[in-house]
Amino acid sequence: IERQMADERAASLRRSARRSRGEVSEASAVVIRASREDEAGALADLALLDEAELPVGPALVAEVDGSIQAALPLDGGRAIADPFRRTSDLVALLEERASQLQPRPRFALRRLV
């Protein structure tokens, strides 16, 4: 029964995504930010659409006009994205931002004797 419910939910999400299919226009507001705990449902829906594992732990999300369209776990897992939208640019932005958040190696200063 749970599998049937999950399949029905996935089919519903796919139909909804097809109806609202669109591209990010210049007027669209794109926000790259850290995910919040209260967005677990939205991330679960996105993972279901992408047929991917739900990211566990901190993640970055790409939000377009208030809707999460892609996410990237900060633990190094693979990005998830809405397969019914053009999200490759959003994933690239997420990867770039994640690389900026990585700690930079510190070089030790040595005394020359």
PDB file of N, CA and C in Angstrom:
ATOM      1  N   ILE A   1       0.835  -1.194   0.000  1.00  0.00           N
ATOM      2  CA  ILE A   1       0.000   0.000   0.000  1.00  0.00           C
ATOM      3  C   ILE A   1       0.874   1.250   0.000  1.00  0.00           C
ATOM      4  N   GLU A   2       1.946   1.238   0.815  1.00  0.00           N
ATOM      5  CA  GLU A   2       2.840   2.397   0.869  1.00  0.00           C
ATOM      6  C   GLU A   2       3.485   2.652  -0.486  1.00  0.00           C
ATOM      7  N   ARG A   3       3.886   1.585  -1.172  1.00  0.00           N
ATOM      8  CA  ARG A   3       4.517   1.736  -2.485  1.00  0.00           C
ATOM      9  C   ARG A   3       3.523   2.328  -3.488  1.00  0.00           C
ATOM     10  N   GLN A   4       2.253   1.870  -3.425  1.00  0.00           N
ATOM     11  CA  GLN A   4       1.233   2.388  -4.319  1.00  0.00           C
ATOM     12  C   GLN A   4       0.994   3.868  -4.039  1.00  0.00           C
ATOM     13  N   MET A   5       0.968   4.251  -2.764  1.00  0.00           N
ATOM     14  CA  MET A   5       0.777   5.654  -2.401  1.00  0.00           C
ATOM     15  C   MET A   5       1.949   6.495  -2.895  1.00  0.00           C
ATOM     16  N   ALA A   6       3.165   5.958  -2.762  1.00  0.00           N
ATOM     17  CA  ALA A   6       4.348   6.683  -3.227  1.00  0.00           C
ATOM     18  C   ALA A   6       4.313   6.842  -4.744  1.00  0.00           C
ATOM     19  N   ASP A   7       3.912   5.782  -5.447  1.00  0.00           N
ATOM     20  CA  ASP A   7       3.814   5.863  -6.905  1.00  0.00           C
ATOM     21  C   ASP A   7       2.768   6.883  -7.336  1.00  0.00           C
ATOM     22  N   GLU A   8       1.637   6.910  -6.639  1.00  0.00           N
ATOM     23  CA  GLU A   8       0.587   7.881  -6.958  1.00  0.00           C
ATOM     24  C   GLU A   8       1.065   9.302  -6.690  1.00  0.00           C
ATOM     25  N   ARG A   9       1.791   9.486  -5.586  1.00  0.00           N
ATOM     26  CA  ARG A   9       2.333  10.816  -5.260  1.00  0.00           C
ATOM     27  C   ARG A   9       3.333  11.251  -6.332  1.00  0.00           C
ATOM     28  N   ALA A  10       4.202  10.333  -6.754  1.00  0.00           N
ATOM     29  CA  ALA A  10       5.188  10.657  -7.788  1.00  0.00           C
ATOM     30  C   ALA A  10       4.483  11.017  -9.097  1.00  0.00           C
ATOM     31  N   ALA A  11       3.457  10.269  -9.457  1.00  0.00           N
ATOM     32  CA  ALA A  11       2.714  10.567 -10.686  1.00  0.00           C
ATOM     33  C   ALA A  11       2.047  11.936 -10.589  1.00  0.00           C
ATOM     34  N   SER A  12       1.507  12.250  -9.439  1.00  0.00           N
ATOM     35  CA  SER A  12       0.876  13.559  -9.234  1.00  0.00           C
ATOM     36  C   SER A  12       1.900  14.683  -9.354  1.00  0.00           C
ATOM     37  N   LEU A  13       3.075  14.492  -8.762  1.00  0.00           N
ATOM     38  CA  LEU A  13       4.131  15.496  -8.847  1.00  0.00           C
ATOM     39  C   LEU A  13       4.603  15.673 -10.289  1.00  0.00           C
ATOM     40  N   ARG A  14       4.715  14.573 -11.023  1.00  0.00           N
ATOM     41  CA  ARG A  14       5.134  14.665 -12.431  1.00  0.00           C
ATOM     42  C   ARG A  14       4.105  15.430 -13.259  1.00  0.00           C
ATOM     43  N   ARG A  15       2.813  15.135 -13.040  1.00  0.00           N
ATOM     44  CA  ARG A  15       1.768  15.857 -13.783  1.00  0.00           C
ATOM     45  C   ARG A  15       1.820  17.341 -13.472  1.00  0.00           C
ATOM     46  N   SER A  16       1.978  17.661 -12.199  1.00  0.00           N
ATOM     47  CA  SER A  16       2.048  19.066 -11.781  1.00  0.00           C
ATOM     48  C   SER A  16       3.255  19.758 -12.390  1.00  0.00           C
ATOM     49  N   ALA A  17       4.393  19.080 -12.402  1.00  0.00           N
ATOM     50  CA  ALA A  17       5.616  19.666 -12.958  1.00  0.00           C
ATOM     51  C   ALA A  17       5.476  19.880 -14.461  1.00  0.00           C
ATOM     52  N   ARG A  18       4.842  18.949 -15.149  1.00  0.00           N
ATOM     53  CA  ARG A  18       4.651  19.109 -16.592  1.00  0.00           C
ATOM     54  C   ARG A  18       3.773  20.315 -16.907  1.00  0.00           C
ATOM     55  N   ARG A  19       2.737  20.513 -16.082  1.00  0.00           N
ATOM     56  CA  ARG A  19       1.841  21.654 -16.298  1.00  0.00           C
ATOM     57  C   ARG A  19       2.558  22.972 -16.087  1.00  0.00           C
ATOM     58  N   SER A  20       3.459  22.999 -15.125  1.00  0.00           N
ATOM     59  CA  SER A  20       4.133  24.264 -14.801  1.00  0.00           C
ATOM     60  C   SER A  20       5.531  24.345 -15.403  1.00  0.00           C
ATOM     61  N   ARG A  21       5.823  23.462 -16.361  1.00  0.00           N
ATOM     62  CA  ARG A  21       7.152  23.443 -16.978  1.00  0.00           C
ATOM     63  C   ARG A  21       7.485  24.816 -17.533  1.00  0.00           C
ATOM     64  N   GLY A  22       8.684  25.207 -17.283  1.00  0.00           N
ATOM     65  CA  GLY A  22       9.105  26.499 -17.789  1.00  0.00           C
ATOM     66  C   GLY A  22      10.591  26.673 -17.600  1.00  0.00           C
ATOM     67  N   GLU A  23      11.092  27.727 -18.151  1.00  0.00           N
ATOM     68  CA  GLU A  23      12.499  28.028 -18.037  1.00  0.00           C
ATOM     69  C   GLU A  23      12.674  29.217 -17.110  1.00  0.00           C
ATOM     70  N   VAL A  24      13.846  29.333 -16.557  1.00  0.00           N
ATOM     71  CA  VAL A  24      14.168  30.474 -15.715  1.00  0.00           C
ATOM     72  C   VAL A  24      14.391  31.661 -16.640  1.00  0.00           C
ATOM     73  N   SER A  25      13.607  32.700 -16.457  1.00  0.00           N
ATOM     74  CA  SER A  25      13.772  33.885 -17.289  1.00  0.00           C
ATOM     75  C   SER A  25      14.648  34.894 -16.565  1.00  0.00           C
ATOM     76  N   GLU A  26      15.015  35.924 -17.275  1.00  0.00           N
ATOM     77  CA  GLU A  26      15.842  36.956 -16.656  1.00  0.00           C
ATOM     78  C   GLU A  26      15.120  37.626 -15.498  1.00  0.00           C
ATOM     79  N   ALA A  27      13.789  37.615 -15.532  1.00  0.00           N
ATOM     80  CA  ALA A  27      13.009  38.266 -14.487  1.00  0.00           C
ATOM     81  C   ALA A  27      12.811  37.368 -13.266  1.00  0.00           C
ATOM     82  N   SER A  28      13.185  36.090 -13.370  1.00  0.00           N
ATOM     83  CA  SER A  28      13.011  35.170 -12.260  1.00  0.00           C
ATOM     84  C   SER A  28      14.005  35.482 -11.148  1.00  0.00           C
ATOM     85  N   ALA A  29      13.528  35.351  -9.930  1.00  0.00           N
ATOM     86  CA  ALA A  29      14.395  35.555  -8.771  1.00  0.00           C
ATOM     87  C   ALA A  29      15.011  34.208  -8.386  1.00  0.00           C
ATOM     88  N   VAL A  30      16.336  34.092  -8.486  1.00  0.00           N
ATOM     89  CA  VAL A  30      17.047  32.873  -8.119  1.00  0.00           C
ATOM     90  C   VAL A  30      17.786  33.130  -6.819  1.00  0.00           C
ATOM     91  N   VAL A  31      17.568  32.239  -5.849  1.00  0.00           N
ATOM     92  CA  VAL A  31      18.224  32.364  -4.549  1.00  0.00           C
ATOM     93  C   VAL A  31      18.949  31.059  -4.252  1.00  0.00           C
ATOM     94  N   ILE A  32      20.228  31.162  -3.905  1.00  0.00           N
ATOM     95  CA  ILE A  32      21.017  30.022  -3.452  1.00  0.00           C
ATOM     96  C   ILE A  32      21.199  30.209  -1.957  1.00  0.00           C
ATOM     97  N   ARG A  33      20.766  29.216  -1.178  1.00  0.00           N
ATOM     98  CA  ARG A  33      20.826  29.345   0.281  1.00  0.00           C
ATOM     99  C   ARG A  33      20.874  27.968   0.931  1.00  0.00           C
ATOM    100  N   ALA A  34      21.103  27.988   2.245  1.00  0.00           N
ATOM    101  CA  ALA A  34      21.103  26.745   3.011  1.00  0.00           C
ATOM    102  C   ALA A  34      19.664  26.267   3.187  1.00  0.00           C
ATOM    103  N   SER A  35      19.485  24.967   3.154  1.00  0.00           N
ATOM    104  CA  SER A  35      18.152  24.414   3.380  1.00  0.00           C
ATOM    105  C   SER A  35      17.770  24.586   4.849  1.00  0.00           C
ATOM    106  N   ARG A  36      16.471  24.555   5.084  1.00  0.00           N
ATOM    107  CA  ARG A  36      15.952  24.665   6.450  1.00  0.00           C
ATOM    108  C   ARG A  36      15.266  23.353   6.836  1.00  0.00           C
ATOM    109  N   GLU A  37      15.188  23.109   8.121  1.00  0.00           N
ATOM    110  CA  GLU A  37      14.574  21.868   8.604  1.00  0.00           C
ATOM    111  C   GLU A  37      13.127  21.738   8.167  1.00  0.00           C
ATOM    112  N   ASP A  38      12.411  22.853   8.081  1.00  0.00           N
ATOM    113  CA  ASP A  38      10.990  22.790   7.719  1.00  0.00           C
ATOM    114  C   ASP A  38      10.767  22.522   6.226  1.00  0.00           C
ATOM    115  N   GLU A  39      11.834  22.356   5.460  1.00  0.00           N
ATOM    116  CA  GLU A  39      11.722  22.088   4.028  1.00  0.00           C
ATOM    117  C   GLU A  39      11.923  20.614   3.694  1.00  0.00           C
ATOM    118  N   ALA A  40      11.901  19.765   4.692  1.00  0.00           N
ATOM    119  CA  ALA A  40      12.112  18.334   4.456  1.00  0.00           C
ATOM    120  C   ALA A  40      11.090  17.780   3.469  1.00  0.00           C
ATOM    121  N   GLY A  41       9.862  18.224   3.544  1.00  0.00           N
ATOM    122  CA  GLY A  41       8.826  17.750   2.630  1.00  0.00           C
ATOM    123  C   GLY A  41       9.101  18.163   1.190  1.00  0.00           C
ATOM    124  N   ALA A  42       9.504  19.406   1.002  1.00  0.00           N
ATOM    125  CA  ALA A  42       9.815  19.891  -0.349  1.00  0.00           C
ATOM    126  C   ALA A  42      11.026  19.150  -0.920  1.00  0.00           C
ATOM    127  N   LEU A  43      12.023  18.887  -0.093  1.00  0.00           N
ATOM    128  CA  LEU A  43      13.197  18.146  -0.561  1.00  0.00           C
ATOM    129  C   LEU A  43      12.836  16.688  -0.857  1.00  0.00           C
ATOM    130  N   ALA A  44      11.939  16.106  -0.048  1.00  0.00           N
ATOM    131  CA  ALA A  44      11.490  14.735  -0.304  1.00  0.00           C
ATOM    132  C   ALA A  44      10.738  14.663  -1.635  1.00  0.00           C
ATOM    133  N   ASP A  45       9.898  15.647  -1.918  1.00  0.00           N
ATOM    134  CA  ASP A  45       9.186  15.693  -3.194  1.00  0.00           C
ATOM    135  C   ASP A  45      10.167  15.823  -4.353  1.00  0.00           C
ATOM    136  N   LEU A  46      11.173  16.674  -4.191  1.00  0.00           N
ATOM    137  CA  LEU A  46      12.171  16.872  -5.242  1.00  0.00           C
ATOM    138  C   LEU A  46      12.957  15.580  -5.483  1.00  0.00           C
ATOM    139  N   ALA A  47      13.343  14.902  -4.412  1.00  0.00           N
ATOM    140  CA  ALA A  47      14.076  13.638  -4.541  1.00  0.00           C
ATOM    141  C   ALA A  47      13.204  12.581  -5.224  1.00  0.00           C
ATOM    142  N   LEU A  48      11.936  12.563  -4.894  1.00  0.00           N
ATOM    143  CA  LEU A  48      11.019  11.613  -5.517  1.00  0.00           C
ATOM    144  C   LEU A  48      10.893  11.884  -7.014  1.00  0.00           C
ATOM    145  N   LEU A  49      10.765  13.150  -7.380  1.00  0.00           N
ATOM    146  CA  LEU A  49      10.700  13.513  -8.800  1.00  0.00           C
ATOM    147  C   LEU A  49      11.966  13.095  -9.544  1.00  0.00           C
ATOM    148  N   ASP A  50      13.110  13.289  -8.896  1.00  0.00           N
ATOM    149  CA  ASP A  50      14.408  12.991  -9.519  1.00  0.00           C
ATOM    150  C   ASP A  50      14.784  11.513  -9.391  1.00  0.00           C
ATOM    151  N   GLU A  51      13.927  10.748  -8.714  1.00  0.00           N
ATOM    152  CA  GLU A  51      14.194   9.334  -8.452  1.00  0.00           C
ATOM    153  C   GLU A  51      15.562   9.159  -7.806  1.00  0.00           C
ATOM    154  N   ALA A  52      15.815   9.973  -6.772  1.00  0.00           N
ATOM    155  CA  ALA A  52      17.104   9.987  -6.086  1.00  0.00           C
ATOM    156  C   ALA A  52      16.892   9.852  -4.587  1.00  0.00           C
ATOM    157  N   GLU A  53      17.976   9.593  -3.896  1.00  0.00           N
ATOM    158  CA  GLU A  53      17.935   9.530  -2.435  1.00  0.00           C
ATOM    159  C   GLU A  53      17.753  10.930  -1.866  1.00  0.00           C
ATOM    160  N   LEU A  54      17.021  11.025  -0.791  1.00  0.00           N
ATOM    161  CA  LEU A  54      16.834  12.285  -0.090  1.00  0.00           C
ATOM    162  C   LEU A  54      18.146  12.684   0.576  1.00  0.00           C
ATOM    163  N   PRO A  55      18.622  13.905   0.357  1.00  0.00           N
ATOM    164  CA  PRO A  55      19.857  14.333   1.022  1.00  0.00           C
ATOM    165  C   PRO A  55      19.679  14.325   2.546  1.00  0.00           C
ATOM    166  N   VAL A  56      20.679  13.843   3.227  1.00  0.00           N
ATOM    167  CA  VAL A  56      20.662  13.821   4.684  1.00  0.00           C
ATOM    168  C   VAL A  56      21.700  14.826   5.167  1.00  0.00           C
ATOM    169  N   GLY A  57      21.327  15.653   6.102  1.00  0.00           N
ATOM    170  CA  GLY A  57      22.260  16.641   6.609  1.00  0.00           C
ATOM    171  C   GLY A  57      22.128  17.956   5.877  1.00  0.00           C
ATOM    172  N   PRO A  58      23.080  18.852   6.113  1.00  0.00           N
ATOM    173  CA  PRO A  58      22.982  20.185   5.512  1.00  0.00           C
ATOM    174  C   PRO A  58      23.087  20.132   3.991  1.00  0.00           C
ATOM    175  N   ALA A  59      22.321  21.014   3.363  1.00  0.00           N
ATOM    176  CA  ALA A  59      22.317  21.085   1.901  1.00  0.00           C
ATOM    177  C   ALA A  59      22.107  22.528   1.474  1.00  0.00           C
ATOM    178  N   LEU A  60      22.509  22.809   0.258  1.00  0.00           N
ATOM    179  CA  LEU A  60      22.196  24.086  -0.369  1.00  0.00           C
ATOM    180  C   LEU A  60      21.009  23.859  -1.289  1.00  0.00           C
ATOM    181  N   VAL A  61      20.153  24.864  -1.414  1.00  0.00           N
ATOM    182  CA  VAL A  61      19.028  24.766  -2.329  1.00  0.00           C
ATOM    183  C   VAL A  61      19.061  25.930  -3.310  1.00  0.00           C
ATOM    184  N   ALA A  62      18.542  25.668  -4.504  1.00  0.00           N
ATOM    185  CA  ALA A  62      18.351  26.710  -5.507  1.00  0.00           C
ATOM    186  C   ALA A  62      16.851  26.930  -5.599  1.00  0.00           C
ATOM    187  N   GLU A  63      16.463  28.126  -5.268  1.00  0.00           N
ATOM    188  CA  GLU A  63      15.047  28.479  -5.231  1.00  0.00           C
ATOM    189  C   GLU A  63      14.775  29.475  -6.359  1.00  0.00           C
ATOM    190  N   VAL A  64      13.774  29.196  -7.174  1.00  0.00           N
ATOM    191  CA  VAL A  64      13.401  30.089  -8.271  1.00  0.00           C
ATOM    192  C   VAL A  64      11.982  30.573  -8.017  1.00  0.00           C
ATOM    193  N   ASP A  65      11.841  31.877  -7.882  1.00  0.00           N
ATOM    194  CA  ASP A  65      10.538  32.476  -7.610  1.00  0.00           C
ATOM    195  C   ASP A  65       9.816  31.782  -6.456  1.00  0.00           C
ATOM    196  N   GLY A  66      10.569  31.448  -5.401  1.00  0.00           N
ATOM    197  CA  GLY A  66       9.986  30.865  -4.196  1.00  0.00           C
ATOM    198  C   GLY A  66       9.819  29.363  -4.217  1.00  0.00           C
ATOM    199  N   SER A  67      10.230  28.691  -5.285  1.00  0.00           N
ATOM    200  CA  SER A  67      10.072  27.238  -5.406  1.00  0.00           C
ATOM    201  C   SER A  67      11.442  26.570  -5.485  1.00  0.00           C
ATOM    202  N   ILE A  68      11.681  25.577  -4.624  1.00  0.00           N
ATOM    203  CA  ILE A  68      12.958  24.854  -4.646  1.00  0.00           C
ATOM    204  C   ILE A  68      12.989  23.961  -5.875  1.00  0.00           C
ATOM    205  N   GLN A  69      13.986  24.182  -6.735  1.00  0.00           N
ATOM    206  CA  GLN A  69      14.098  23.402  -7.967  1.00  0.00           C
ATOM    207  C   GLN A  69      15.325  22.512  -8.008  1.00  0.00           C
ATOM    208  N   ALA A  70      16.289  22.740  -7.096  1.00  0.00           N
ATOM    209  CA  ALA A  70      17.480  21.891  -7.042  1.00  0.00           C
ATOM    210  C   ALA A  70      18.073  21.974  -5.645  1.00  0.00           C
ATOM    211  N   ALA A  71      18.791  20.924  -5.270  1.00  0.00           N
ATOM    212  CA  ALA A  71      19.450  20.894  -3.961  1.00  0.00           C
ATOM    213  C   ALA A  71      20.750  20.121  -4.091  1.00  0.00           C
ATOM    214  N   LEU A  72      21.719  20.503  -3.273  1.00  0.00           N
ATOM    215  CA  LEU A  72      23.031  19.848  -3.278  1.00  0.00           C
ATOM    216  C   LEU A  72      23.449  19.602  -1.833  1.00  0.00           C
ATOM    217  N   PRO A  73      23.602  18.319  -1.440  1.00  0.00           N
ATOM    218  CA  PRO A  73      24.063  18.040  -0.081  1.00  0.00           C
ATOM    219  C   PRO A  73      25.499  18.512   0.096  1.00  0.00           C
ATOM    220  N   LEU A  74      25.786  19.084   1.241  1.00  0.00           N
ATOM    221  CA  LEU A  74      27.134  19.595   1.494  1.00  0.00           C
ATOM    222  C   LEU A  74      28.112  18.502   1.904  1.00  0.00           C
ATOM    223  N   ASP A  75      27.610  17.269   2.093  1.00  0.00           N
ATOM    224  CA  ASP A  75      28.504  16.164   2.444  1.00  0.00           C
ATOM    225  C   ASP A  75      29.162  15.535   1.228  1.00  0.00           C
ATOM    226  N   GLY A  76      28.897  16.097   0.035  1.00  0.00           N
ATOM    227  CA  GLY A  76      29.519  15.579  -1.170  1.00  0.00           C
ATOM    228  C   GLY A  76      28.627  14.666  -1.979  1.00  0.00           C
ATOM    229  N   GLY A  77      27.386  14.461  -1.560  1.00  0.00           N
ATOM    230  CA  GLY A  77      26.458  13.633  -2.327  1.00  0.00           C
ATOM    231  C   GLY A  77      26.063  14.317  -3.631  1.00  0.00           C
ATOM    232  N   ARG A  78      25.314  13.602  -4.476  1.00  0.00           N
ATOM    233  CA  ARG A  78      24.930  14.153  -5.769  1.00  0.00           C
ATOM    234  C   ARG A  78      23.745  15.101  -5.633  1.00  0.00           C
ATOM    235  N   ALA A  79      23.691  16.053  -6.522  1.00  0.00           N
ATOM    236  CA  ALA A  79      22.609  17.034  -6.534  1.00  0.00           C
ATOM    237  C   ALA A  79      21.309  16.355  -6.947  1.00  0.00           C
ATOM    238  N   ILE A  80      20.209  16.892  -6.457  1.00  0.00           N
ATOM    239  CA  ILE A  80      18.894  16.473  -6.924  1.00  0.00           C
ATOM    240  C   ILE A  80      18.245  17.697  -7.553  1.00  0.00           C
ATOM    241  N   ALA A  81      17.452  17.459  -8.593  1.00  0.00           N
ATOM    242  CA  ALA A  81      16.847  18.583  -9.297  1.00  0.00           C
ATOM    243  C   ALA A  81      15.559  18.142  -9.966  1.00  0.00           C
ATOM    244  N   ASP A  82      14.702  19.093 -10.237  1.00  0.00           N
ATOM    245  CA  ASP A  82      13.446  18.844 -10.928  1.00  0.00           C
ATOM    246  C   ASP A  82      13.757  18.425 -12.361  1.00  0.00           C
ATOM    247  N   PRO A  83      13.450  17.180 -12.735  1.00  0.00           N
ATOM    248  CA  PRO A  83      13.789  16.718 -14.078  1.00  0.00           C
ATOM    249  C   PRO A  83      12.905  17.316 -15.171  1.00  0.00           C
ATOM    250  N   PHE A  84      11.870  18.040 -14.791  1.00  0.00           N
ATOM    251  CA  PHE A  84      10.958  18.622 -15.761  1.00  0.00           C
ATOM    252  C   PHE A  84      11.252  20.099 -16.016  1.00  0.00           C
ATOM    253  N   ARG A  85      12.358  20.565 -15.481  1.00  0.00           N
ATOM    254  CA  ARG A  85      12.786  21.944 -15.687  1.00  0.00           C
ATOM    255  C   ARG A  85      14.251  21.942 -16.103  1.00  0.00           C
ATOM    256  N   ARG A  86      14.676  23.020 -16.692  1.00  0.00           N
ATOM    257  CA  ARG A  86      16.093  23.160 -17.045  1.00  0.00           C
ATOM    258  C   ARG A  86      16.823  23.644 -15.801  1.00  0.00           C
ATOM    259  N   THR A  87      17.518  22.727 -15.171  1.00  0.00           N
ATOM    260  CA  THR A  87      18.141  23.036 -13.882  1.00  0.00           C
ATOM    261  C   THR A  87      19.658  22.924 -13.900  1.00  0.00           C
ATOM    262  N   SER A  88      20.266  22.652 -15.052  1.00  0.00           N
ATOM    263  CA  SER A  88      21.715  22.454 -15.079  1.00  0.00           C
ATOM    264  C   SER A  88      22.455  23.708 -14.607  1.00  0.00           C
ATOM    265  N   ASP A  89      21.953  24.885 -14.966  1.00  0.00           N
ATOM    266  CA  ASP A  89      22.593  26.123 -14.489  1.00  0.00           C
ATOM    267  C   ASP A  89      22.438  26.278 -12.982  1.00  0.00           C
ATOM    268  N   LEU A  90      21.293  25.875 -12.457  1.00  0.00           N
ATOM    269  CA  LEU A  90      21.079  25.955 -11.004  1.00  0.00           C
ATOM    270  C   LEU A  90      22.033  25.021 -10.270  1.00  0.00           C
ATOM    271  N   VAL A  91      22.201  23.806 -10.787  1.00  0.00           N
ATOM    272  CA  VAL A  91      23.126  22.847 -10.158  1.00  0.00           C
ATOM    273  C   VAL A  91      24.546  23.393 -10.215  1.00  0.00           C
ATOM    274  N   ALA A  92      24.929  24.010 -11.319  1.00  0.00           N
ATOM    275  CA  ALA A  92      26.271  24.606 -11.423  1.00  0.00           C
ATOM    276  C   ALA A  92      26.448  25.710 -10.388  1.00  0.00           C
ATOM    277  N   LEU A  93      25.419  26.521 -10.185  1.00  0.00           N
ATOM    278  CA  LEU A  93      25.490  27.569  -9.146  1.00  0.00           C
ATOM    279  C   LEU A  93      25.638  26.952  -7.763  1.00  0.00           C
ATOM    280  N   LEU A  94      24.887  25.888  -7.496  1.00  0.00           N
ATOM    281  CA  LEU A  94      24.993  25.215  -6.200  1.00  0.00           C
ATOM    282  C   LEU A  94      26.393  24.654  -5.991  1.00  0.00           C
ATOM    283  N   GLU A  95      26.955  24.037  -7.022  1.00  0.00           N
ATOM    284  CA  GLU A  95      28.308  23.470  -6.905  1.00  0.00           C
ATOM    285  C   GLU A  95      29.349  24.562  -6.680  1.00  0.00           C
ATOM    286  N   GLU A  96      29.198  25.681  -7.367  1.00  0.00           N
ATOM    287  CA  GLU A  96      30.135  26.800  -7.184  1.00  0.00           C
ATOM    288  C   GLU A  96      30.050  27.337  -5.762  1.00  0.00           C
ATOM    289  N   ARG A  97      28.827  27.526  -5.264  1.00  0.00           N
ATOM    290  CA  ARG A  97      28.664  28.047  -3.896  1.00  0.00           C
ATOM    291  C   ARG A  97      29.207  27.052  -2.873  1.00  0.00           C
ATOM    292  N   ALA A  98      28.967  25.770  -3.089  1.00  0.00           N
ATOM    293  CA  ALA A  98      29.484  24.754  -2.167  1.00  0.00           C
ATOM    294  C   ALA A  98      31.004  24.785  -2.127  1.00  0.00           C
ATOM    295  N   SER A  99      31.640  24.990  -3.277  1.00  0.00           N
ATOM    296  CA  SER A  99      33.106  25.054  -3.307  1.00  0.00           C
ATOM    297  C   SER A  99      33.621  26.274  -2.543  1.00  0.00           C
ATOM    298  N   GLN A 100      32.847  27.349  -2.546  1.00  0.00           N
ATOM    299  CA  GLN A 100      33.238  28.553  -1.801  1.00  0.00           C
ATOM    300  C   GLN A 100      33.135  28.346  -0.299  1.00  0.00           C
ATOM    301  N   LEU A 101      32.290  27.425   0.115  1.00  0.00           N
ATOM    302  CA  LEU A 101      32.086  27.175   1.541  1.00  0.00           C
ATOM    303  C   LEU A 101      33.097  26.192   2.123  1.00  0.00           C
ATOM    304  N   GLN A 102      33.858  25.518   1.266  1.00  0.00           N
ATOM    305  CA  GLN A 102      34.858  24.565   1.731  1.00  0.00           C
ATOM    306  C   GLN A 102      35.988  25.311   2.429  1.00  0.00           C
ATOM    307  N   PRO A 103      36.469  24.767   3.549  1.00  0.00           N
ATOM    308  CA  PRO A 103      37.589  25.424   4.218  1.00  0.00           C
ATOM    309  C   PRO A 103      38.831  25.409   3.339  1.00  0.00           C
ATOM    310  N   ARG A 104      39.507  26.499   3.321  1.00  0.00           N
ATOM    311  CA  ARG A 104      40.741  26.603   2.529  1.00  0.00           C
ATOM    312  C   ARG A 104      41.905  26.065   3.357  1.00  0.00           C
ATOM    313  N   PRO A 105      42.843  25.389   2.704  1.00  0.00           N
ATOM    314  CA  PRO A 105      43.991  24.879   3.450  1.00  0.00           C
ATOM    315  C   PRO A 105      44.822  26.039   4.004  1.00  0.00           C
ATOM    316  N   ARG A 106      45.272  25.855   5.201  1.00  0.00           N
ATOM    317  CA  ARG A 106      46.123  26.869   5.828  1.00  0.00           C
ATOM    318  C   ARG A 106      47.569  26.453   5.669  1.00  0.00           C
ATOM    319  N   PHE A 107      48.359  27.389   5.285  1.00  0.00           N
ATOM    320  CA  PHE A 107      49.779  27.114   5.124  1.00  0.00           C
ATOM    321  C   PHE A 107      50.512  27.560   6.381  1.00  0.00           C
ATOM    322  N   ALA A 108      51.367  26.706   6.845  1.00  0.00           N
ATOM    323  CA  ALA A 108      52.138  27.034   8.034  1.00  0.00           C
ATOM    324  C   ALA A 108      53.318  27.905   7.632  1.00  0.00           C
ATOM    325  N   LEU A 109      53.536  28.915   8.416  1.00  0.00           N
ATOM    326  CA  LEU A 109      54.697  29.785   8.182  1.00  0.00           C
ATOM    327  C   LEU A 109      55.883  29.146   8.864  1.00  0.00           C
ATOM    328  N   ARG A 110      56.955  29.046   8.142  1.00  0.00           N
ATOM    329  CA  ARG A 110      58.170  28.439   8.714  1.00  0.00           C
ATOM    330  C   ARG A 110      59.235  29.514   8.854  1.00  0.00           C
ATOM    331  N   ARG A 111      59.986  29.379   9.871  1.00  0.00           N
ATOM    332  CA  ARG A 111      61.108  30.290  10.063  1.00  0.00           C
ATOM    333  C   ARG A 111      62.284  29.827   9.251  1.00  0.00           C
ATOM    334  N   LEU A 112      62.871  30.761   8.597  1.00  0.00           N
ATOM    335  CA  LEU A 112      64.093  30.415   7.879  1.00  0.00           C
ATOM    336  C   LEU A 112      65.259  30.639   8.815  1.00  0.00           C
ATOM    337  N   VAL A 113      66.066  29.634   9.036  1.00  0.00           N
ATOM    338  CA  VAL A 113      67.189  29.742   9.961  1.00  0.00           C
ATOM    339  C   VAL A 113      68.475  29.658   9.203  1.00  0.00           C
TER     340      VAL A 113
END
